[in-house]
Amino acid sequence: MSGHAAMLNQHWVDILPPTPPAAVDSWLLPGSIALFILVLLVVALLWQQRPRQCGLRALRRYRRQLRSQTVDARDMAYRIYHAVLHGLALHPLQRHSTANDQEWLAFYRQLQACVFASRPPGREELADLIVRGRYWLKHHAGD
């Protein structure tokens, strides 16, 4: 057995352990992570600045204000009107059409009636406008 061990030692003497991998620049990994995070932040910022997202955030804010009863009803109606039209990227004077034309026209007429009526709208009517406005922004933006 000792002869066999001597033979094994002679044959395996020239085998060397593998060399360690080449050193990577110390800034490459942190720099890549920082660049990735920066790109994510820019995409998130652009996403939040889209008209639809701005309209949805505004309607959420108006719903909270309406619940706290700190707003003028006529002013709130105009804000809802503006948020919905801005979120759908529509101009107030152009003809609006969507896939569900009759539903949209009924909602649009109700919005205009609340904004331009001689009497201010009630809180329930404003709450309904907010809910319906969120529906149109969520499901019909970009039609």
N, C-alpha and C. Protein backbone atom coordinates (compact mmCIF):
# COMPACT_ATOMS: atom_id res chain seq x y z
N MET A 1 0.81 -1.17 0.00
CA MET A 1 0.00 0.00 0.00
C MET A 1 0.87 1.25 0.00
N SER A 2 2.00 1.15 0.64
CA SER A 2 2.86 2.32 0.69
C SER A 2 3.40 2.66 -0.69
N GLY A 3 3.60 1.65 -1.55
CA GLY A 3 4.04 1.90 -2.92
C GLY A 3 2.96 2.60 -3.72
N HIS A 4 1.73 2.20 -3.43
CA HIS A 4 0.61 2.80 -4.15
C HIS A 4 0.45 4.27 -3.74
N ALA A 5 0.63 4.59 -2.46
CA ALA A 5 0.53 5.96 -1.97
C ALA A 5 1.66 6.80 -2.54
N ALA A 6 2.86 6.20 -2.67
CA ALA A 6 3.99 6.94 -3.24
C ALA A 6 3.72 7.25 -4.70
N MET A 7 3.09 6.31 -5.41
CA MET A 7 2.79 6.53 -6.82
C MET A 7 1.72 7.63 -6.97
N LEU A 8 0.72 7.63 -6.07
CA LEU A 8 -0.31 8.66 -6.14
C LEU A 8 0.28 10.04 -5.89
N ASN A 9 1.22 10.14 -4.95
CA ASN A 9 1.83 11.43 -4.65
C ASN A 9 2.63 11.94 -5.83
N GLN A 10 3.27 11.05 -6.58
CA GLN A 10 4.07 11.48 -7.73
C GLN A 10 3.18 11.97 -8.88
N HIS A 11 2.06 11.32 -9.11
CA HIS A 11 1.21 11.70 -10.23
C HIS A 11 0.41 12.97 -9.97
N TRP A 12 0.12 13.28 -8.77
CA TRP A 12 -0.73 14.41 -8.46
C TRP A 12 0.04 15.63 -7.99
N VAL A 13 1.30 15.60 -8.05
CA VAL A 13 2.11 16.70 -7.56
C VAL A 13 1.94 17.94 -8.44
N ASP A 14 1.76 17.77 -9.75
CA ASP A 14 1.74 18.93 -10.64
C ASP A 14 0.34 19.57 -10.77
N ILE A 15 -0.67 19.06 -10.10
CA ILE A 15 -2.00 19.66 -10.17
C ILE A 15 -2.05 20.83 -9.19
N LEU A 16 -2.42 22.00 -9.72
CA LEU A 16 -2.48 23.21 -8.90
C LEU A 16 -3.94 23.59 -8.65
N PRO A 17 -4.20 24.23 -7.55
CA PRO A 17 -5.58 24.68 -7.29
C PRO A 17 -5.96 25.77 -8.32
N PRO A 18 -7.26 25.91 -8.61
CA PRO A 18 -7.67 26.91 -9.60
C PRO A 18 -7.34 28.32 -9.12
N THR A 19 -7.08 29.17 -10.07
CA THR A 19 -6.76 30.56 -9.71
C THR A 19 -8.05 31.29 -9.37
N PRO A 20 -7.98 32.22 -8.45
CA PRO A 20 -9.18 32.98 -8.09
C PRO A 20 -9.63 33.86 -9.27
N PRO A 21 -10.91 34.17 -9.34
CA PRO A 21 -11.37 35.01 -10.44
C PRO A 21 -10.74 36.39 -10.39
N ALA A 22 -10.70 37.03 -11.55
CA ALA A 22 -10.10 38.37 -11.61
C ALA A 22 -10.93 39.33 -10.76
N ALA A 23 -10.27 40.24 -10.15
CA ALA A 23 -10.94 41.20 -9.28
C ALA A 23 -11.84 42.11 -10.11
N VAL A 24 -13.08 42.27 -9.66
CA VAL A 24 -14.03 43.16 -10.31
C VAL A 24 -13.85 44.55 -9.70
N ASP A 25 -13.99 45.57 -10.55
CA ASP A 25 -13.87 46.92 -10.02
C ASP A 25 -14.86 47.12 -8.87
N SER A 26 -14.40 47.78 -7.85
CA SER A 26 -15.23 47.91 -6.65
C SER A 26 -16.44 48.81 -6.86
N TRP A 27 -16.48 49.64 -7.88
CA TRP A 27 -17.60 50.55 -8.11
C TRP A 27 -18.65 49.96 -9.03
N LEU A 28 -18.37 48.87 -9.70
CA LEU A 28 -19.28 48.34 -10.72
C LEU A 28 -20.61 47.87 -10.14
N LEU A 29 -20.59 47.07 -9.11
CA LEU A 29 -21.84 46.56 -8.52
C LEU A 29 -22.65 47.68 -7.85
N PRO A 30 -22.06 48.48 -6.96
CA PRO A 30 -22.85 49.58 -6.38
C PRO A 30 -23.33 50.58 -7.44
N GLY A 31 -22.51 50.83 -8.43
CA GLY A 31 -22.92 51.75 -9.50
C GLY A 31 -24.09 51.21 -10.29
N SER A 32 -24.07 49.91 -10.58
CA SER A 32 -25.18 49.28 -11.31
C SER A 32 -26.46 49.32 -10.49
N ILE A 33 -26.36 49.05 -9.21
CA ILE A 33 -27.54 49.10 -8.34
C ILE A 33 -28.08 50.52 -8.27
N ALA A 34 -27.21 51.50 -8.12
CA ALA A 34 -27.65 52.90 -8.05
C ALA A 34 -28.32 53.32 -9.36
N LEU A 35 -27.78 52.91 -10.49
CA LEU A 35 -28.37 53.25 -11.78
C LEU A 35 -29.74 52.60 -11.94
N PHE A 36 -29.87 51.36 -11.50
CA PHE A 36 -31.15 50.66 -11.57
C PHE A 36 -32.21 51.37 -10.72
N ILE A 37 -31.83 51.77 -9.51
CA ILE A 37 -32.76 52.48 -8.62
C ILE A 37 -33.15 53.83 -9.22
N LEU A 38 -32.20 54.52 -9.82
CA LEU A 38 -32.48 55.80 -10.45
C LEU A 38 -33.48 55.64 -11.60
N VAL A 39 -33.29 54.62 -12.41
CA VAL A 39 -34.22 54.36 -13.51
C VAL A 39 -35.61 54.04 -12.97
N LEU A 40 -35.70 53.24 -11.92
CA LEU A 40 -37.00 52.94 -11.31
C LEU A 40 -37.68 54.20 -10.78
N LEU A 41 -36.93 55.08 -10.16
CA LEU A 41 -37.51 56.32 -9.64
C LEU A 41 -38.02 57.22 -10.76
N VAL A 42 -37.28 57.31 -11.85
CA VAL A 42 -37.72 58.12 -12.98
C VAL A 42 -39.00 57.54 -13.59
N VAL A 43 -39.05 56.22 -13.75
CA VAL A 43 -40.26 55.59 -14.29
C VAL A 43 -41.44 55.81 -13.36
N ALA A 44 -41.24 55.68 -12.06
CA ALA A 44 -42.32 55.91 -11.09
C ALA A 44 -42.79 57.36 -11.14
N LEU A 45 -41.87 58.30 -11.26
CA LEU A 45 -42.24 59.70 -11.33
C LEU A 45 -43.04 59.99 -12.60
N LEU A 46 -42.60 59.46 -13.72
CA LEU A 46 -43.34 59.65 -14.97
C LEU A 46 -44.71 59.01 -14.89
N TRP A 47 -44.81 57.86 -14.24
CA TRP A 47 -46.10 57.18 -14.09
C TRP A 47 -47.06 58.03 -13.27
N GLN A 48 -46.56 58.61 -12.19
CA GLN A 48 -47.42 59.41 -11.31
C GLN A 48 -47.83 60.73 -11.95
N GLN A 49 -47.09 61.20 -12.94
CA GLN A 49 -47.42 62.47 -13.57
C GLN A 49 -48.37 62.31 -14.75
N ARG A 50 -48.75 61.09 -15.07
CA ARG A 50 -49.71 60.88 -16.15
C ARG A 50 -51.03 61.52 -15.76
N PRO A 51 -51.75 62.10 -16.73
CA PRO A 51 -53.02 62.77 -16.40
C PRO A 51 -54.01 61.87 -15.67
N ARG A 52 -54.08 60.61 -16.07
CA ARG A 52 -55.02 59.69 -15.42
C ARG A 52 -54.69 59.53 -13.94
N GLN A 53 -53.42 59.34 -13.63
CA GLN A 53 -53.01 59.18 -12.23
C GLN A 53 -53.25 60.46 -11.44
N CYS A 54 -52.98 61.61 -12.05
CA CYS A 54 -53.23 62.89 -11.37
C CYS A 54 -54.72 63.05 -11.07
N GLY A 55 -55.57 62.67 -12.04
CA GLY A 55 -57.01 62.77 -11.84
C GLY A 55 -57.50 61.85 -10.73
N LEU A 56 -56.99 60.63 -10.69
CA LEU A 56 -57.39 59.68 -9.64
C LEU A 56 -56.95 60.17 -8.27
N ARG A 57 -55.73 60.71 -8.17
CA ARG A 57 -55.27 61.24 -6.89
C ARG A 57 -56.12 62.43 -6.45
N ALA A 58 -56.46 63.29 -7.41
CA ALA A 58 -57.27 64.46 -7.08
C ALA A 58 -58.65 64.02 -6.58
N LEU A 59 -59.27 63.04 -7.23
CA LEU A 59 -60.59 62.58 -6.79
C LEU A 59 -60.53 61.94 -5.41
N ARG A 60 -59.44 61.22 -5.11
CA ARG A 60 -59.27 60.67 -3.76
C ARG A 60 -59.19 61.79 -2.72
N ARG A 61 -58.42 62.83 -3.07
CA ARG A 61 -58.28 63.97 -2.16
C ARG A 61 -59.63 64.67 -1.97
N TYR A 62 -60.40 64.83 -3.04
CA TYR A 62 -61.72 65.48 -2.95
C TYR A 62 -62.69 64.65 -2.13
N ARG A 63 -62.58 63.33 -2.24
CA ARG A 63 -63.46 62.47 -1.43
C ARG A 63 -63.17 62.66 0.06
N ARG A 64 -61.89 62.75 0.41
CA ARG A 64 -61.52 62.99 1.82
C ARG A 64 -62.02 64.36 2.27
N GLN A 65 -61.88 65.38 1.44
CA GLN A 65 -62.34 66.72 1.79
C GLN A 65 -63.86 66.74 1.94
N LEU A 66 -64.55 66.01 1.08
CA LEU A 66 -66.01 65.97 1.16
C LEU A 66 -66.47 65.30 2.44
N ARG A 67 -65.75 64.26 2.86
CA ARG A 67 -66.10 63.57 4.11
C ARG A 67 -65.86 64.47 5.32
N SER A 68 -64.81 65.29 5.25
CA SER A 68 -64.51 66.17 6.38
C SER A 68 -65.37 67.44 6.36
N GLN A 69 -66.15 67.62 5.29
CA GLN A 69 -67.08 68.74 5.14
C GLN A 69 -66.40 70.09 5.27
N THR A 70 -65.27 70.25 4.62
CA THR A 70 -64.53 71.51 4.67
C THR A 70 -64.50 72.22 3.33
N VAL A 71 -65.43 71.90 2.41
CA VAL A 71 -65.36 72.46 1.07
C VAL A 71 -66.69 73.10 0.68
N ASP A 72 -66.59 74.03 -0.27
CA ASP A 72 -67.76 74.63 -0.89
C ASP A 72 -68.25 73.68 -1.98
N ALA A 73 -69.55 73.42 -2.02
CA ALA A 73 -70.10 72.42 -2.94
C ALA A 73 -69.89 72.81 -4.40
N ARG A 74 -70.10 74.07 -4.74
CA ARG A 74 -69.93 74.49 -6.13
C ARG A 74 -68.46 74.38 -6.57
N ASP A 75 -67.56 74.80 -5.68
CA ASP A 75 -66.13 74.69 -5.97
C ASP A 75 -65.72 73.23 -6.13
N MET A 76 -66.25 72.37 -5.29
CA MET A 76 -65.95 70.93 -5.37
C MET A 76 -66.46 70.35 -6.70
N ALA A 77 -67.64 70.76 -7.13
CA ALA A 77 -68.17 70.27 -8.40
C ALA A 77 -67.26 70.66 -9.56
N TYR A 78 -66.76 71.89 -9.53
CA TYR A 78 -65.86 72.32 -10.59
C TYR A 78 -64.54 71.54 -10.54
N ARG A 79 -64.04 71.30 -9.35
CA ARG A 79 -62.79 70.54 -9.22
C ARG A 79 -62.96 69.12 -9.75
N ILE A 80 -64.09 68.48 -9.43
CA ILE A 80 -64.35 67.13 -9.94
C ILE A 80 -64.42 67.15 -11.46
N TYR A 81 -65.14 68.14 -12.00
CA TYR A 81 -65.26 68.31 -13.45
C TYR A 81 -63.89 68.43 -14.09
N HIS A 82 -63.06 69.29 -13.54
CA HIS A 82 -61.72 69.51 -14.08
C HIS A 82 -60.85 68.26 -13.95
N ALA A 83 -60.90 67.58 -12.81
CA ALA A 83 -60.07 66.39 -12.60
C ALA A 83 -60.44 65.28 -13.58
N VAL A 84 -61.73 65.08 -13.82
CA VAL A 84 -62.15 64.02 -14.74
C VAL A 84 -61.73 64.35 -16.16
N LEU A 85 -61.98 65.59 -16.60
CA LEU A 85 -61.60 65.95 -17.97
C LEU A 85 -60.09 65.92 -18.16
N HIS A 86 -59.35 66.41 -17.18
CA HIS A 86 -57.89 66.38 -17.28
C HIS A 86 -57.38 64.93 -17.26
N GLY A 87 -57.96 64.11 -16.41
CA GLY A 87 -57.53 62.71 -16.33
C GLY A 87 -57.82 61.93 -17.60
N LEU A 88 -58.87 62.30 -18.31
CA LEU A 88 -59.20 61.65 -19.58
C LEU A 88 -58.57 62.36 -20.76
N ALA A 89 -57.79 63.42 -20.48
CA ALA A 89 -57.13 64.22 -21.51
C ALA A 89 -58.14 64.78 -22.51
N LEU A 90 -59.22 65.35 -21.98
CA LEU A 90 -60.27 65.94 -22.81
C LEU A 90 -60.32 67.44 -22.57
N HIS A 91 -60.67 68.17 -23.59
CA HIS A 91 -60.86 69.61 -23.48
C HIS A 91 -62.34 69.86 -23.21
N PRO A 92 -62.68 70.83 -22.36
CA PRO A 92 -64.10 71.04 -22.02
C PRO A 92 -64.99 71.40 -23.21
N LEU A 93 -64.43 71.96 -24.27
CA LEU A 93 -65.26 72.41 -25.38
C LEU A 93 -65.35 71.42 -26.54
N GLN A 94 -64.60 70.35 -26.51
CA GLN A 94 -64.66 69.40 -27.62
C GLN A 94 -65.73 68.34 -27.36
N ARG A 95 -66.19 67.72 -28.43
CA ARG A 95 -67.18 66.65 -28.30
C ARG A 95 -66.46 65.43 -27.76
N HIS A 96 -67.05 64.83 -26.74
CA HIS A 96 -66.43 63.67 -26.10
C HIS A 96 -67.20 62.43 -26.49
N SER A 97 -66.46 61.41 -26.88
CA SER A 97 -67.12 60.13 -27.14
C SER A 97 -66.24 59.01 -26.61
N THR A 98 -66.86 57.99 -26.11
CA THR A 98 -66.15 56.82 -25.62
C THR A 98 -66.89 55.59 -26.11
N ALA A 99 -66.43 54.45 -25.68
CA ALA A 99 -67.06 53.20 -26.12
C ALA A 99 -68.53 53.14 -25.68
N ASN A 100 -68.84 53.62 -24.50
CA ASN A 100 -70.22 53.65 -23.99
C ASN A 100 -70.72 55.09 -24.07
N ASP A 101 -71.07 55.52 -25.27
CA ASP A 101 -71.37 56.92 -25.53
C ASP A 101 -72.52 57.45 -24.68
N GLN A 102 -73.61 56.71 -24.55
CA GLN A 102 -74.76 57.20 -23.80
C GLN A 102 -74.45 57.35 -22.31
N GLU A 103 -73.72 56.38 -21.77
CA GLU A 103 -73.34 56.48 -20.35
C GLU A 103 -72.45 57.69 -20.11
N TRP A 104 -71.47 57.86 -21.01
CA TRP A 104 -70.56 58.99 -20.85
C TRP A 104 -71.31 60.31 -20.97
N LEU A 105 -72.18 60.44 -21.96
CA LEU A 105 -72.92 61.69 -22.13
C LEU A 105 -73.80 62.00 -20.93
N ALA A 106 -74.42 60.98 -20.35
CA ALA A 106 -75.24 61.19 -19.16
C ALA A 106 -74.36 61.68 -17.99
N PHE A 107 -73.21 61.05 -17.81
CA PHE A 107 -72.30 61.48 -16.74
C PHE A 107 -71.78 62.89 -17.00
N TYR A 108 -71.40 63.17 -18.24
CA TYR A 108 -70.86 64.49 -18.58
C TYR A 108 -71.92 65.58 -18.38
N ARG A 109 -73.15 65.29 -18.76
CA ARG A 109 -74.23 66.26 -18.55
C ARG A 109 -74.48 66.49 -17.06
N GLN A 110 -74.40 65.42 -16.27
CA GLN A 110 -74.58 65.57 -14.82
C GLN A 110 -73.44 66.42 -14.23
N LEU A 111 -72.22 66.20 -14.70
CA LEU A 111 -71.09 67.02 -14.25
C LEU A 111 -71.32 68.48 -14.58
N GLN A 112 -71.70 68.75 -15.83
CA GLN A 112 -71.93 70.13 -16.23
C GLN A 112 -73.08 70.76 -15.46
N ALA A 113 -74.12 69.99 -15.24
CA ALA A 113 -75.26 70.52 -14.49
C ALA A 113 -74.86 70.90 -13.08
N CYS A 114 -74.01 70.11 -12.46
CA CYS A 114 -73.57 70.43 -11.10
C CYS A 114 -72.68 71.68 -11.08
N VAL A 115 -71.85 71.82 -12.10
CA VAL A 115 -70.93 72.96 -12.13
C VAL A 115 -71.68 74.25 -12.45
N PHE A 116 -72.61 74.21 -13.41
CA PHE A 116 -73.21 75.44 -13.91
C PHE A 116 -74.64 75.68 -13.42
N ALA A 117 -75.16 74.87 -12.52
CA ALA A 117 -76.52 75.05 -12.01
C ALA A 117 -76.59 76.26 -11.08
N SER A 118 -77.78 76.80 -10.94
CA SER A 118 -77.94 77.98 -10.07
C SER A 118 -77.85 77.60 -8.59
N ARG A 119 -78.25 76.38 -8.26
CA ARG A 119 -78.14 75.95 -6.87
C ARG A 119 -76.93 75.01 -6.74
N PRO A 120 -76.22 75.08 -5.64
CA PRO A 120 -75.06 74.18 -5.48
C PRO A 120 -75.53 72.73 -5.30
N PRO A 121 -74.74 71.78 -5.76
CA PRO A 121 -75.11 70.37 -5.62
C PRO A 121 -75.02 69.91 -4.17
N GLY A 122 -75.76 68.84 -3.87
CA GLY A 122 -75.73 68.26 -2.53
C GLY A 122 -74.51 67.37 -2.34
N ARG A 123 -74.20 67.07 -1.11
CA ARG A 123 -73.03 66.23 -0.81
C ARG A 123 -73.17 64.82 -1.40
N GLU A 124 -74.39 64.27 -1.38
CA GLU A 124 -74.59 62.94 -1.96
C GLU A 124 -74.33 62.95 -3.47
N GLU A 125 -74.78 64.01 -4.11
CA GLU A 125 -74.56 64.13 -5.56
C GLU A 125 -73.07 64.27 -5.87
N LEU A 126 -72.36 65.02 -5.06
CA LEU A 126 -70.91 65.17 -5.25
C LEU A 126 -70.19 63.84 -5.01
N ALA A 127 -70.61 63.11 -3.98
CA ALA A 127 -70.00 61.80 -3.70
C ALA A 127 -70.24 60.86 -4.87
N ASP A 128 -71.45 60.91 -5.45
CA ASP A 128 -71.76 60.07 -6.61
C ASP A 128 -70.89 60.47 -7.80
N LEU A 129 -70.69 61.77 -8.01
CA LEU A 129 -69.84 62.23 -9.10
C LEU A 129 -68.40 61.75 -8.93
N ILE A 130 -67.91 61.75 -7.71
CA ILE A 130 -66.55 61.27 -7.45
C ILE A 130 -66.44 59.79 -7.78
N VAL A 131 -67.41 59.00 -7.33
CA VAL A 131 -67.38 57.55 -7.60
C VAL A 131 -67.44 57.29 -9.10
N ARG A 132 -68.35 57.97 -9.79
CA ARG A 132 -68.48 57.76 -11.23
C ARG A 132 -67.27 58.30 -11.99
N GLY A 133 -66.71 59.41 -11.51
CA GLY A 133 -65.51 59.95 -12.13
C GLY A 133 -64.34 58.99 -12.01
N ARG A 134 -64.19 58.37 -10.84
CA ARG A 134 -63.12 57.36 -10.66
C ARG A 134 -63.35 56.17 -11.60
N TYR A 135 -64.60 55.79 -11.77
CA TYR A 135 -64.91 54.69 -12.70
C TYR A 135 -64.43 55.06 -14.11
N TRP A 136 -64.76 56.25 -14.58
CA TRP A 136 -64.39 56.63 -15.93
C TRP A 136 -62.87 56.75 -16.06
N LEU A 137 -62.20 57.24 -15.05
CA LEU A 137 -60.75 57.35 -15.13
C LEU A 137 -60.07 55.98 -15.11
N LYS A 138 -60.60 55.07 -14.31
CA LYS A 138 -59.98 53.73 -14.22
C LYS A 138 -60.22 52.90 -15.46
N HIS A 139 -61.42 52.99 -16.03
CA HIS A 139 -61.80 52.04 -17.08
C HIS A 139 -61.82 52.63 -18.49
N HIS A 140 -61.77 53.94 -18.62
CA HIS A 140 -61.90 54.50 -19.96
C HIS A 140 -60.84 55.53 -20.31
N ALA A 141 -59.81 55.66 -19.51
CA ALA A 141 -58.73 56.58 -19.87
C ALA A 141 -57.99 56.03 -21.07
N GLY A 142 -57.78 56.88 -22.04
CA GLY A 142 -57.06 56.46 -23.24
C GLY A 142 -57.94 55.90 -24.32
N ASP A 143 -59.29 55.93 -24.17
CA ASP A 143 -60.19 55.46 -25.23
C ASP A 143 -60.14 56.39 -26.41
